[in-house]
Amino acid sequence: MADFLKSAVDRALQSKSGRLDLFLRFLLGLSLECNLTLLQSILKPTEKISYNNEETVRYIKEKIKENTSPEKSINLFHCLNELNDHSLVQEVQRYINRGGDHRLRHARLSPAQWSALLFVLQNSEQELDEFDLSKYDPSEECFLMLLSVVKASRRAVLASCHLGVKTCEELASIFNLENSSLKELDISNNDLQDLGVEQLSAGLKSSHCKLQILRLSGCMVTEEGCSSLDSALSSNPSYLKELDLNYNHPGTSGVKLLLDRLHNPQSKLETLGIKHGGKSRIKPGLKKYCCDLTLDQNTAHTHLSLSQGNRRVECGEYQPYPDHPERFDVYQQVMSRENLLLGG
């Protein structure tokens, strides 16, 4: 019996279409001790069945550790459930419940544990409402491992997760799925550049794409990327209602293209964010949010010395600055000449 079930597991794993997955679960459920009497009644009365499922459980766990595809891993966990073994799933579930999902950001999970996590997430209605990659491991590698969870989620938050073009290719393939649940995607603060946006735009053109909100703030998008998005938004099946392109460099032509699209009565686009643009926004990482400041000598405390064209300040000896109503006289501080507006 054990050899027969191992063979059935192998056959199911070899099937690319997954057509044997449900049959394998049925077969394993039938092999439980409580169901063996049914098999006994089918066989000759002289044939006795003696079987312990521990060997089959060990074999399935070995297959999970071999890091098979996410879809195959999910089916193998369903198989373990049929055999009343929940050890790996419970191990990950306890880990999550003990300290919250954020604990996984620093965890070193084995391939089998990652597969168990995938199973737990896909069977959690709460997670399917929103998937936040930063709770687990903000990396492209983790994104690819949990791709099937993203496919089943209604909202995916992938902001500030060090993602690139490969992620955009996979997301475009999700847009193209007929049964995709994804309605909102936040992939802000990743250095996608125009090539990544071009990949996303190809997915937006799909007749199956149901995405309504797309956030690309701080993704190093220029006029070329805006042109790709405009082309996608002009396609008939585009459902996109909100597009966030703040902190990018759309340029004059890019802004005009998207504003014309926003004001087009045939377009479904209702909200467009294109604030805080400029050449400085195409710098990688956090550098895109930096700006040069010039210190205002009229506000400098008398124990602060300004140099390098009022761009450098040091604390030291008394400076004979002239009296000024805006000068700090209690704390050793200095103001910049530029206005820094937060959130505006």
C-alpha atoms as a PDB file:
ATOM      1  CA  MET A   1       0.000   0.000   0.000  1.00  0.00           C
ATOM      2  CA  ALA A   2       2.782   2.474   0.926  1.00  0.00           C
ATOM      3  CA  ASP A   3       4.632   1.840  -2.353  1.00  0.00           C
ATOM      4  CA  PHE A   4       1.400   2.198  -4.290  1.00  0.00           C
ATOM      5  CA  LEU A   5       0.618   5.585  -2.679  1.00  0.00           C
ATOM      6  CA  LYS A   6       4.177   6.840  -3.242  1.00  0.00           C
ATOM      7  CA  SER A   7       3.783   5.971  -6.896  1.00  0.00           C
ATOM      8  CA  ALA A   8       0.482   7.881  -6.975  1.00  0.00           C
ATOM      9  CA  VAL A   9       2.189  10.956  -5.440  1.00  0.00           C
ATOM     10  CA  ASP A  10       4.927  10.812  -8.087  1.00  0.00           C
ATOM     11  CA  ARG A  11       2.404  10.500 -10.915  1.00  0.00           C
ATOM     12  CA  ALA A  12       0.470  13.515  -9.641  1.00  0.00           C
ATOM     13  CA  LEU A  13       3.651  15.599  -9.376  1.00  0.00           C
ATOM     14  CA  GLN A  14       4.651  14.681 -12.928  1.00  0.00           C
ATOM     15  CA  SER A  15       1.309  15.828 -14.310  1.00  0.00           C
ATOM     16  CA  LYS A  16       1.755  19.437 -15.504  1.00  0.00           C
ATOM     17  CA  SER A  17      -1.997  19.965 -15.870  1.00  0.00           C
ATOM     18  CA  GLY A  18      -2.758  18.952 -12.262  1.00  0.00           C
ATOM     19  CA  ARG A  19      -5.480  16.582 -13.469  1.00  0.00           C
ATOM     20  CA  LEU A  20      -4.487  13.919 -10.913  1.00  0.00           C
ATOM     21  CA  ASP A  21      -4.347  16.218  -7.863  1.00  0.00           C
ATOM     22  CA  LEU A  22      -7.926  15.737  -6.671  1.00  0.00           C
ATOM     23  CA  PHE A  23      -7.794  11.992  -7.346  1.00  0.00           C
ATOM     24  CA  LEU A  24      -4.614  11.737  -5.250  1.00  0.00           C
ATOM     25  CA  ARG A  25      -6.328  13.478  -2.306  1.00  0.00           C
ATOM     26  CA  PHE A  26      -9.298  11.099  -2.630  1.00  0.00           C
ATOM     27  CA  LEU A  27      -6.983   8.108  -2.731  1.00  0.00           C
ATOM     28  CA  LEU A  28      -5.059   9.228   0.344  1.00  0.00           C
ATOM     29  CA  GLY A  29      -8.253   9.888   2.261  1.00  0.00           C
ATOM     30  CA  LEU A  30      -9.439   6.413   1.341  1.00  0.00           C
ATOM     31  CA  SER A  31      -6.230   4.951   2.774  1.00  0.00           C
ATOM     32  CA  LEU A  32      -6.970   6.137   6.316  1.00  0.00           C
ATOM     33  CA  GLU A  33      -7.596   3.382   8.828  1.00  0.00           C
ATOM     34  CA  CYS A  34     -11.220   4.410   9.250  1.00  0.00           C
ATOM     35  CA  ASN A  35     -11.782   3.877   5.520  1.00  0.00           C
ATOM     36  CA  LEU A  36      -9.811   0.667   5.074  1.00  0.00           C
ATOM     37  CA  THR A  37     -12.937  -1.376   5.785  1.00  0.00           C
ATOM     38  CA  LEU A  38     -14.356  -0.025   2.534  1.00  0.00           C
ATOM     39  CA  LEU A  39     -11.334  -1.349   0.650  1.00  0.00           C
ATOM     40  CA  GLN A  40     -11.557  -4.603   2.568  1.00  0.00           C
ATOM     41  CA  SER A  41     -15.113  -5.113   1.390  1.00  0.00           C
ATOM     42  CA  ILE A  42     -14.022  -4.669  -2.228  1.00  0.00           C
ATOM     43  CA  LEU A  43     -11.231  -7.241  -1.972  1.00  0.00           C
ATOM     44  CA  LYS A  44     -11.570 -10.974  -1.369  1.00  0.00           C
ATOM     45  CA  PRO A  45     -12.358 -11.859   2.263  1.00  0.00           C
ATOM     46  CA  THR A  46      -9.051 -13.717   2.489  1.00  0.00           C
ATOM     47  CA  GLU A  47      -7.018 -10.600   1.665  1.00  0.00           C
ATOM     48  CA  LYS A  48      -6.177  -8.510   4.721  1.00  0.00           C
ATOM     49  CA  ILE A  49      -4.971  -4.910   4.488  1.00  0.00           C
ATOM     50  CA  SER A  50      -2.376  -3.711   6.954  1.00  0.00           C
ATOM     51  CA  TYR A  51      -1.179  -0.141   6.456  1.00  0.00           C
ATOM     52  CA  ASN A  52       0.338   2.706   8.491  1.00  0.00           C
ATOM     53  CA  ASN A  53       0.291   6.141   6.847  1.00  0.00           C
ATOM     54  CA  GLU A  54       3.429   7.450   8.607  1.00  0.00           C
ATOM     55  CA  GLU A  55       5.660   6.343   5.729  1.00  0.00           C
ATOM     56  CA  THR A  56       3.427   8.134   3.213  1.00  0.00           C
ATOM     57  CA  VAL A  57       3.413  11.298   5.341  1.00  0.00           C
ATOM     58  CA  ARG A  58       7.226  11.261   5.480  1.00  0.00           C
ATOM     59  CA  TYR A  59       7.414  10.776   1.719  1.00  0.00           C
ATOM     60  CA  ILE A  60       5.102  13.729   1.008  1.00  0.00           C
ATOM     61  CA  LYS A  61       7.107  15.967   3.360  1.00  0.00           C
ATOM     62  CA  GLU A  62      10.287  14.997   1.507  1.00  0.00           C
ATOM     63  CA  LYS A  63       8.656  16.068  -1.753  1.00  0.00           C
ATOM     64  CA  ILE A  64       7.698  19.412  -0.202  1.00  0.00           C
ATOM     65  CA  LYS A  65      11.305  19.950   0.911  1.00  0.00           C
ATOM     66  CA  GLU A  66      12.443  19.446  -2.677  1.00  0.00           C
ATOM     67  CA  ASN A  67      10.944  22.897  -3.298  1.00  0.00           C
ATOM     68  CA  THR A  68       8.417  21.997  -5.974  1.00  0.00           C
ATOM     69  CA  SER A  69       6.271  24.645  -7.652  1.00  0.00           C
ATOM     70  CA  PRO A  70       3.905  26.643  -5.397  1.00  0.00           C
ATOM     71  CA  GLU A  71       0.841  25.002  -6.971  1.00  0.00           C
ATOM     72  CA  LYS A  72       2.233  21.492  -6.380  1.00  0.00           C
ATOM     73  CA  SER A  73       3.235  22.413  -2.814  1.00  0.00           C
ATOM     74  CA  ILE A  74      -0.316  23.548  -2.079  1.00  0.00           C
ATOM     75  CA  ASN A  75      -1.692  20.224  -3.332  1.00  0.00           C
ATOM     76  CA  LEU A  76       0.821  18.284  -1.211  1.00  0.00           C
ATOM     77  CA  PHE A  77      -0.338  20.150   1.891  1.00  0.00           C
ATOM     78  CA  HIS A  78      -3.918  19.259   1.015  1.00  0.00           C
ATOM     79  CA  CYS A  79      -2.681  15.663   0.810  1.00  0.00           C
ATOM     80  CA  LEU A  80      -1.194  15.929   4.309  1.00  0.00           C
ATOM     81  CA  ASN A  81      -4.537  17.241   5.521  1.00  0.00           C
ATOM     82  CA  GLU A  82      -6.233  14.181   4.022  1.00  0.00           C
ATOM     83  CA  LEU A  83      -3.834  12.053   6.075  1.00  0.00           C
ATOM     84  CA  ASN A  84      -4.658  14.094   9.207  1.00  0.00           C
ATOM     85  CA  ASP A  85      -1.119  15.483   9.454  1.00  0.00           C
ATOM     86  CA  HIS A  86      -0.912  19.235  10.078  1.00  0.00           C
ATOM     87  CA  SER A  87       2.543  19.487  11.641  1.00  0.00           C
ATOM     88  CA  LEU A  88       4.234  21.826   9.153  1.00  0.00           C
ATOM     89  CA  VAL A  89       1.196  24.066   8.753  1.00  0.00           C
ATOM     90  CA  GLN A  90       0.720  24.266  12.525  1.00  0.00           C
ATOM     91  CA  GLU A  91       4.401  25.084  12.992  1.00  0.00           C
ATOM     92  CA  VAL A  92       4.180  28.127  10.710  1.00  0.00           C
ATOM     93  CA  GLN A  93       0.742  29.096  12.028  1.00  0.00           C
ATOM     94  CA  ARG A  94       2.061  29.085  15.621  1.00  0.00           C
ATOM     95  CA  TYR A  95       5.014  31.203  14.543  1.00  0.00           C
ATOM     96  CA  ILE A  96       2.709  33.760  12.933  1.00  0.00           C
ATOM     97  CA  ASN A  97       0.259  33.847  15.841  1.00  0.00           C
ATOM     98  CA  ARG A  98       3.019  34.124  18.449  1.00  0.00           C
ATOM     99  CA  GLY A  99       4.497  37.374  17.194  1.00  0.00           C
ATOM    100  CA  GLY A 100       2.615  38.588  14.154  1.00  0.00           C
ATOM    101  CA  ASP A 101       3.552  38.347  10.477  1.00  0.00           C
ATOM    102  CA  HIS A 102       6.360  40.887  10.880  1.00  0.00           C
ATOM    103  CA  ARG A 103       8.450  38.222  12.668  1.00  0.00           C
ATOM    104  CA  LEU A 104       8.906  36.507   9.319  1.00  0.00           C
ATOM    105  CA  ARG A 105      10.946  39.462   8.021  1.00  0.00           C
ATOM    106  CA  HIS A 106      13.933  38.123   9.963  1.00  0.00           C
ATOM    107  CA  ALA A 107      13.083  34.427   9.873  1.00  0.00           C
ATOM    108  CA  ARG A 108      15.096  31.900   7.925  1.00  0.00           C
ATOM    109  CA  LEU A 109      12.377  29.527   6.815  1.00  0.00           C
ATOM    110  CA  SER A 110      13.180  26.298   5.059  1.00  0.00           C
ATOM    111  CA  PRO A 111      11.610  25.622   1.620  1.00  0.00           C
ATOM    112  CA  ALA A 112       9.090  23.332   3.337  1.00  0.00           C
ATOM    113  CA  GLN A 113       8.172  26.067   5.824  1.00  0.00           C
ATOM    114  CA  TRP A 114       7.772  28.601   3.014  1.00  0.00           C
ATOM    115  CA  SER A 115       5.426  26.146   1.309  1.00  0.00           C
ATOM    116  CA  ALA A 116       3.504  25.798   4.563  1.00  0.00           C
ATOM    117  CA  LEU A 117       3.288  29.586   4.846  1.00  0.00           C
ATOM    118  CA  LEU A 118       1.938  29.697   1.314  1.00  0.00           C
ATOM    119  CA  PHE A 119      -0.704  27.140   2.246  1.00  0.00           C
ATOM    120  CA  VAL A 120      -1.682  29.065   5.398  1.00  0.00           C
ATOM    121  CA  LEU A 121      -2.015  32.353   3.497  1.00  0.00           C
ATOM    122  CA  GLN A 122      -4.051  30.884   0.675  1.00  0.00           C
ATOM    123  CA  ASN A 123      -6.483  29.407   3.174  1.00  0.00           C
ATOM    124  CA  SER A 124      -6.867  32.657   5.121  1.00  0.00           C
ATOM    125  CA  GLU A 125      -9.704  34.951   4.019  1.00  0.00           C
ATOM    126  CA  GLN A 126      -8.207  37.845   5.965  1.00  0.00           C
ATOM    127  CA  GLU A 127      -4.918  37.646   4.074  1.00  0.00           C
ATOM    128  CA  LEU A 128      -6.652  37.390   0.707  1.00  0.00           C
ATOM    129  CA  ASP A 129      -8.308  40.740   1.324  1.00  0.00           C
ATOM    130  CA  GLU A 130      -4.873  42.395   1.457  1.00  0.00           C
ATOM    131  CA  PHE A 131      -1.390  41.012   0.909  1.00  0.00           C
ATOM    132  CA  ASP A 132       1.483  43.141   2.260  1.00  0.00           C
ATOM    133  CA  LEU A 133       4.890  41.833   1.171  1.00  0.00           C
ATOM    134  CA  SER A 134       6.764  43.928   3.753  1.00  0.00           C
ATOM    135  CA  LYS A 135       5.297  41.760   6.543  1.00  0.00           C
ATOM    136  CA  TYR A 136       7.269  38.765   5.325  1.00  0.00           C
ATOM    137  CA  ASP A 137      10.452  39.622   3.439  1.00  0.00           C
ATOM    138  CA  PRO A 138      10.628  42.809   1.311  1.00  0.00           C
ATOM    139  CA  SER A 139      12.447  41.207  -1.612  1.00  0.00           C
ATOM    140  CA  GLU A 140      11.821  40.001  -5.128  1.00  0.00           C
ATOM    141  CA  GLU A 141      12.727  36.451  -4.100  1.00  0.00           C
ATOM    142  CA  CYS A 142       9.979  36.375  -1.475  1.00  0.00           C
ATOM    143  CA  PHE A 143       7.520  37.959  -3.924  1.00  0.00           C
ATOM    144  CA  LEU A 144       8.148  35.159  -6.418  1.00  0.00           C
ATOM    145  CA  MET A 145       7.700  32.478  -3.726  1.00  0.00           C
ATOM    146  CA  LEU A 146       4.376  33.963  -2.625  1.00  0.00           C
ATOM    147  CA  LEU A 147       3.178  34.788  -6.137  1.00  0.00           C
ATOM    148  CA  SER A 148       0.122  32.534  -5.927  1.00  0.00           C
ATOM    149  CA  VAL A 149      -1.024  34.494  -2.843  1.00  0.00           C
ATOM    150  CA  VAL A 150      -0.754  37.747  -4.804  1.00  0.00           C
ATOM    151  CA  LYS A 151      -2.855  36.172  -7.561  1.00  0.00           C
ATOM    152  CA  ALA A 152      -5.655  35.460  -5.094  1.00  0.00           C
ATOM    153  CA  SER A 153      -5.508  38.833  -3.281  1.00  0.00           C
ATOM    154  CA  ARG A 154      -7.821  41.752  -3.889  1.00  0.00           C
ATOM    155  CA  ARG A 155      -5.214  44.317  -2.775  1.00  0.00           C
ATOM    156  CA  ALA A 156      -1.434  43.895  -3.012  1.00  0.00           C
ATOM    157  CA  VAL A 157       0.946  46.242  -1.159  1.00  0.00           C
ATOM    158  CA  LEU A 158       4.468  45.886  -2.558  1.00  0.00           C
ATOM    159  CA  ALA A 159       5.780  49.364  -1.696  1.00  0.00           C
ATOM    160  CA  SER A 160       9.463  49.802  -0.748  1.00  0.00           C
ATOM    161  CA  CYS A 161      10.332  46.120  -1.266  1.00  0.00           C
ATOM    162  CA  HIS A 162      13.385  46.363  -3.595  1.00  0.00           C
ATOM    163  CA  LEU A 163      11.451  45.082  -6.610  1.00  0.00           C
ATOM    164  CA  GLY A 164      12.394  45.328 -10.284  1.00  0.00           C
ATOM    165  CA  VAL A 165      11.487  44.379 -13.831  1.00  0.00           C
ATOM    166  CA  LYS A 166      11.022  40.660 -13.050  1.00  0.00           C
ATOM    167  CA  THR A 167       8.293  41.562 -10.566  1.00  0.00           C
ATOM    168  CA  CYS A 168       6.568  43.690 -13.206  1.00  0.00           C
ATOM    169  CA  GLU A 169       6.629  40.795 -15.669  1.00  0.00           C
ATOM    170  CA  GLU A 170       4.943  38.514 -13.138  1.00  0.00           C
ATOM    171  CA  LEU A 171       2.368  41.161 -12.220  1.00  0.00           C
ATOM    172  CA  ALA A 172       1.531  41.650 -15.895  1.00  0.00           C
ATOM    173  CA  SER A 173       0.897  37.907 -16.163  1.00  0.00           C
ATOM    174  CA  ILE A 174      -1.454  38.152 -13.149  1.00  0.00           C
ATOM    175  CA  PHE A 175      -3.355  41.007 -14.856  1.00  0.00           C
ATOM    176  CA  ASN A 176      -3.824  38.670 -17.809  1.00  0.00           C
ATOM    177  CA  LEU A 177      -5.475  35.916 -15.750  1.00  0.00           C
ATOM    178  CA  GLU A 178      -9.176  35.514 -16.409  1.00  0.00           C
ATOM    179  CA  ASN A 179      -9.920  34.748 -12.746  1.00  0.00           C
ATOM    180  CA  SER A 180      -7.568  37.346 -11.201  1.00  0.00           C
ATOM    181  CA  SER A 181      -8.921  39.006  -8.042  1.00  0.00           C
ATOM    182  CA  LEU A 182      -6.425  41.885  -8.006  1.00  0.00           C
ATOM    183  CA  LYS A 183      -8.197  45.260  -7.941  1.00  0.00           C
ATOM    184  CA  GLU A 184      -5.574  47.458  -6.248  1.00  0.00           C
ATOM    185  CA  LEU A 185      -1.774  47.461  -6.521  1.00  0.00           C
ATOM    186  CA  ASP A 186       0.668  49.668  -4.606  1.00  0.00           C
ATOM    187  CA  ILE A 187       4.209  49.197  -5.901  1.00  0.00           C
ATOM    188  CA  SER A 188       5.494  52.660  -4.928  1.00  0.00           C
ATOM    189  CA  ASN A 189       9.095  53.424  -3.960  1.00  0.00           C
ATOM    190  CA  ASN A 190      10.643  50.696  -6.099  1.00  0.00           C
ATOM    191  CA  ASP A 191      13.147  51.569  -8.831  1.00  0.00           C
ATOM    192  CA  LEU A 192      11.042  50.094 -11.640  1.00  0.00           C
ATOM    193  CA  GLN A 193      12.036  52.688 -14.245  1.00  0.00           C
ATOM    194  CA  ASP A 194      10.354  52.903 -17.641  1.00  0.00           C
ATOM    195  CA  LEU A 195      11.108  49.269 -18.556  1.00  0.00           C
ATOM    196  CA  GLY A 196       9.208  47.981 -15.532  1.00  0.00           C
ATOM    197  CA  VAL A 197       6.281  50.315 -16.213  1.00  0.00           C
ATOM    198  CA  GLU A 198       6.248  49.131 -19.820  1.00  0.00           C
ATOM    199  CA  GLN A 199       5.812  45.557 -18.572  1.00  0.00           C
ATOM    200  CA  LEU A 200       2.945  46.600 -16.279  1.00  0.00           C
ATOM    201  CA  SER A 201       1.306  48.536 -19.106  1.00  0.00           C
ATOM    202  CA  ALA A 202       1.317  45.435 -21.311  1.00  0.00           C
ATOM    203  CA  GLY A 203      -0.680  43.651 -18.609  1.00  0.00           C
ATOM    204  CA  LEU A 204      -3.093  46.576 -18.221  1.00  0.00           C
ATOM    205  CA  LYS A 205      -4.079  46.181 -21.873  1.00  0.00           C
ATOM    206  CA  SER A 206      -5.385  42.672 -21.247  1.00  0.00           C
ATOM    207  CA  SER A 207      -9.123  42.182 -21.580  1.00  0.00           C
ATOM    208  CA  HIS A 208      -8.988  40.165 -18.325  1.00  0.00           C
ATOM    209  CA  CYS A 209      -7.326  42.931 -16.263  1.00  0.00           C
ATOM    210  CA  LYS A 210      -9.669  44.278 -13.546  1.00  0.00           C
ATOM    211  CA  LEU A 211      -7.150  46.569 -11.811  1.00  0.00           C
ATOM    212  CA  GLN A 212      -8.785  49.813 -10.627  1.00  0.00           C
ATOM    213  CA  ILE A 213      -6.041  51.469  -8.552  1.00  0.00           C
ATOM    214  CA  LEU A 214      -2.327  51.601  -9.438  1.00  0.00           C
ATOM    215  CA  ARG A 215       0.218  53.414  -7.260  1.00  0.00           C
ATOM    216  CA  LEU A 216       3.624  54.082  -8.852  1.00  0.00           C
ATOM    217  CA  SER A 217       4.853  56.936  -6.665  1.00  0.00           C
ATOM    218  CA  GLY A 218       8.651  57.243  -6.640  1.00  0.00           C
ATOM    219  CA  CYS A 219       9.333  54.585  -9.301  1.00  0.00           C
ATOM    220  CA  MET A 220      11.715  56.585 -11.563  1.00  0.00           C
ATOM    221  CA  VAL A 221       9.120  56.946 -14.343  1.00  0.00           C
ATOM    222  CA  THR A 222       9.843  59.402 -17.185  1.00  0.00           C
ATOM    223  CA  GLU A 223       8.001  60.524 -20.343  1.00  0.00           C
ATOM    224  CA  GLU A 224       8.590  57.120 -21.943  1.00  0.00           C
ATOM    225  CA  GLY A 225       6.870  55.310 -19.081  1.00  0.00           C
ATOM    226  CA  CYS A 226       3.968  57.760 -19.188  1.00  0.00           C
ATOM    227  CA  SER A 227       3.562  57.059 -22.886  1.00  0.00           C
ATOM    228  CA  SER A 228       3.289  53.314 -22.145  1.00  0.00           C
ATOM    229  CA  LEU A 229       0.667  53.963 -19.464  1.00  0.00           C
ATOM    230  CA  ASP A 230      -1.307  56.269 -21.757  1.00  0.00           C
ATOM    231  CA  SER A 231      -1.328  53.591 -24.444  1.00  0.00           C
ATOM    232  CA  ALA A 232      -2.624  51.060 -21.899  1.00  0.00           C
ATOM    233  CA  LEU A 233      -5.307  53.432 -20.618  1.00  0.00           C
ATOM    234  CA  SER A 234      -6.531  54.050 -24.150  1.00  0.00           C
ATOM    235  CA  SER A 235      -7.394  50.368 -24.559  1.00  0.00           C
ATOM    236  CA  ASN A 236     -11.080  49.553 -24.257  1.00  0.00           C
ATOM    237  CA  PRO A 237     -10.859  46.987 -21.428  1.00  0.00           C
ATOM    238  CA  SER A 238      -8.875  49.259 -19.071  1.00  0.00           C
ATOM    239  CA  TYR A 239     -10.715  49.541 -15.731  1.00  0.00           C
ATOM    240  CA  LEU A 240      -8.140  51.817 -14.101  1.00  0.00           C
ATOM    241  CA  LYS A 241      -9.783  54.622 -12.097  1.00  0.00           C
ATOM    242  CA  GLU A 242      -6.864  55.900 -10.018  1.00  0.00           C
ATOM    243  CA  LEU A 243      -3.208  56.361 -11.041  1.00  0.00           C
ATOM    244  CA  ASP A 244      -0.542  57.703  -8.662  1.00  0.00           C
ATOM    245  CA  LEU A 245       2.619  58.969 -10.379  1.00  0.00           C
ATOM    246  CA  ASN A 246       3.799  61.444  -7.738  1.00  0.00           C
ATOM    247  CA  TYR A 247       7.557  61.837  -7.225  1.00  0.00           C
ATOM    248  CA  ASN A 248       8.452  60.832 -10.797  1.00  0.00           C
ATOM    249  CA  HIS A 249       9.726  62.752 -13.831  1.00  0.00           C
ATOM    250  CA  PRO A 250       6.892  62.671 -16.398  1.00  0.00           C
ATOM    251  CA  GLY A 251       8.129  65.813 -18.160  1.00  0.00           C
ATOM    252  CA  THR A 252       5.898  68.260 -19.992  1.00  0.00           C
ATOM    253  CA  SER A 253       4.787  65.792 -22.660  1.00  0.00           C
ATOM    254  CA  GLY A 254       4.083  63.035 -20.123  1.00  0.00           C
ATOM    255  CA  VAL A 255       1.961  65.342 -17.981  1.00  0.00           C
ATOM    256  CA  LYS A 256       0.001  66.495 -21.043  1.00  0.00           C
ATOM    257  CA  LEU A 257      -0.647  62.929 -22.206  1.00  0.00           C
ATOM    258  CA  LEU A 258      -2.033  61.836 -18.866  1.00  0.00           C
ATOM    259  CA  LEU A 259      -4.042  64.999 -18.241  1.00  0.00           C
ATOM    260  CA  ASP A 260      -5.642  64.622 -21.671  1.00  0.00           C
ATOM    261  CA  ARG A 261      -6.464  61.026 -20.727  1.00  0.00           C
ATOM    262  CA  LEU A 262      -7.958  62.175 -17.415  1.00  0.00           C
ATOM    263  CA  HIS A 263     -10.202  64.723 -19.117  1.00  0.00           C
ATOM    264  CA  ASN A 264     -11.223  62.380 -21.920  1.00  0.00           C
ATOM    265  CA  PRO A 265     -14.939  61.587 -21.387  1.00  0.00           C
ATOM    266  CA  GLN A 266     -14.409  58.051 -22.731  1.00  0.00           C
ATOM    267  CA  SER A 267     -11.657  57.301 -20.191  1.00  0.00           C
ATOM    268  CA  LYS A 268     -12.463  55.562 -16.900  1.00  0.00           C
ATOM    269  CA  LEU A 269      -9.573  57.369 -15.155  1.00  0.00           C
ATOM    270  CA  GLU A 270     -10.933  59.593 -12.359  1.00  0.00           C
ATOM    271  CA  THR A 271      -7.896  60.430 -10.177  1.00  0.00           C
ATOM    272  CA  LEU A 272      -4.361  61.268 -11.324  1.00  0.00           C
ATOM    273  CA  GLY A 273      -1.378  62.106  -9.093  1.00  0.00           C
ATOM    274  CA  ILE A 274       1.537  63.862 -10.862  1.00  0.00           C
ATOM    275  CA  LYS A 275       2.872  66.171  -8.128  1.00  0.00           C
ATOM    276  CA  HIS A 276       6.468  66.726  -6.990  1.00  0.00           C
ATOM    277  CA  GLY A 277       8.040  65.776 -10.320  1.00  0.00           C
ATOM    278  CA  GLY A 278      11.495  66.690 -11.634  1.00  0.00           C
ATOM    279  CA  LYS A 279      14.835  65.312 -12.781  1.00  0.00           C
ATOM    280  CA  SER A 280      15.879  64.602  -9.201  1.00  0.00           C
ATOM    281  CA  ARG A 281      13.124  61.966  -9.002  1.00  0.00           C
ATOM    282  CA  ILE A 282      14.911  59.578 -11.359  1.00  0.00           C
ATOM    283  CA  LYS A 283      17.690  58.972  -8.835  1.00  0.00           C
ATOM    284  CA  PRO A 284      17.749  55.475  -7.286  1.00  0.00           C
ATOM    285  CA  GLY A 285      16.609  54.714  -3.758  1.00  0.00           C
ATOM    286  CA  LEU A 286      15.938  57.448  -1.232  1.00  0.00           C
ATOM    287  CA  LYS A 287      18.132  59.898  -3.159  1.00  0.00           C
ATOM    288  CA  LYS A 288      15.102  60.780  -5.284  1.00  0.00           C
ATOM    289  CA  TYR A 289      13.559  62.509  -2.252  1.00  0.00           C
ATOM    290  CA  CYS A 290      16.658  64.572  -1.386  1.00  0.00           C
ATOM    291  CA  CYS A 291      17.200  68.237  -2.229  1.00  0.00           C
ATOM    292  CA  ASP A 292      20.048  70.704  -1.691  1.00  0.00           C
ATOM    293  CA  LEU A 293      19.501  73.233   1.091  1.00  0.00           C
ATOM    294  CA  THR A 294      21.018  76.676   1.585  1.00  0.00           C
ATOM    295  CA  LEU A 295      21.280  77.751   5.210  1.00  0.00           C
ATOM    296  CA  ASP A 296      19.960  81.179   6.186  1.00  0.00           C
ATOM    297  CA  GLN A 297      22.695  83.071   8.013  1.00  0.00           C
ATOM    298  CA  ASN A 298      20.138  85.493   9.468  1.00  0.00           C
ATOM    299  CA  THR A 299      18.707  82.625  11.571  1.00  0.00           C
ATOM    300  CA  ALA A 300      21.984  80.988  12.671  1.00  0.00           C
ATOM    301  CA  HIS A 301      22.807  80.882  16.382  1.00  0.00           C
ATOM    302  CA  THR A 302      25.965  82.841  17.203  1.00  0.00           C
ATOM    303  CA  HIS A 303      27.852  79.635  18.066  1.00  0.00           C
ATOM    304  CA  LEU A 304      27.209  78.121  14.626  1.00  0.00           C
ATOM    305  CA  SER A 305      29.688  78.707  11.802  1.00  0.00           C
ATOM    306  CA  LEU A 306      28.482  78.494   8.193  1.00  0.00           C
ATOM    307  CA  SER A 307      30.756  77.611   5.263  1.00  0.00           C
ATOM    308  CA  GLN A 308      30.805  76.244   1.689  1.00  0.00           C
ATOM    309  CA  GLY A 309      28.312  78.787   0.418  1.00  0.00           C
ATOM    310  CA  ASN A 310      26.094  78.392   3.484  1.00  0.00           C
ATOM    311  CA  ARG A 311      25.645  74.647   2.858  1.00  0.00           C
ATOM    312  CA  ARG A 312      27.740  73.397   5.790  1.00  0.00           C
ATOM    313  CA  VAL A 313      27.386  74.206   9.484  1.00  0.00           C
ATOM    314  CA  GLU A 314      29.686  73.547  12.463  1.00  0.00           C
ATOM    315  CA  CYS A 315      29.334  74.246  16.141  1.00  0.00           C
ATOM    316  CA  GLY A 316      32.216  76.269  17.577  1.00  0.00           C
ATOM    317  CA  GLU A 317      33.339  79.679  18.709  1.00  0.00           C
ATOM    318  CA  TYR A 318      31.191  82.789  18.926  1.00  0.00           C
ATOM    319  CA  GLN A 319      30.356  84.378  15.554  1.00  0.00           C
ATOM    320  CA  PRO A 320      29.754  88.167  15.424  1.00  0.00           C
ATOM    321  CA  TYR A 321      26.565  87.950  13.398  1.00  0.00           C
ATOM    322  CA  PRO A 322      24.510  91.174  13.192  1.00  0.00           C
ATOM    323  CA  ASP A 323      21.278  91.343  15.180  1.00  0.00           C
ATOM    324  CA  HIS A 324      18.269  89.936  13.384  1.00  0.00           C
ATOM    325  CA  PRO A 325      14.723  89.249  14.642  1.00  0.00           C
ATOM    326  CA  GLU A 326      14.757  85.668  13.236  1.00  0.00           C
ATOM    327  CA  ARG A 327      18.104  84.651  14.771  1.00  0.00           C
ATOM    328  CA  PHE A 328      18.042  81.735  17.244  1.00  0.00           C
ATOM    329  CA  ASP A 329      19.380  82.930  20.600  1.00  0.00           C
ATOM    330  CA  VAL A 330      18.593  79.997  22.909  1.00  0.00           C
ATOM    331  CA  TYR A 331      19.114  76.753  20.960  1.00  0.00           C
ATOM    332  CA  GLN A 332      21.982  76.232  18.519  1.00  0.00           C
ATOM    333  CA  GLN A 333      19.874  76.007  15.376  1.00  0.00           C
ATOM    334  CA  VAL A 334      19.703  77.393  11.861  1.00  0.00           C
ATOM    335  CA  MET A 335      16.943  77.459   9.241  1.00  0.00           C
ATOM    336  CA  SER A 336      17.197  76.799   5.507  1.00  0.00           C
ATOM    337  CA  ARG A 337      16.136  79.356   2.912  1.00  0.00           C
ATOM    338  CA  GLU A 338      14.056  76.773   1.090  1.00  0.00           C
ATOM    339  CA  ASN A 339      10.574  75.870   2.280  1.00  0.00           C
ATOM    340  CA  LEU A 340      10.079  72.159   3.049  1.00  0.00           C
ATOM    341  CA  LEU A 341       6.399  71.263   2.880  1.00  0.00           C
ATOM    342  CA  LEU A 342       5.592  67.822   4.299  1.00  0.00           C
ATOM    343  CA  GLY A 343       2.931  65.849   2.514  1.00  0.00           C
ATOM    344  CA  GLY A 344       2.023  68.735   0.208  1.00  0.00           C
END
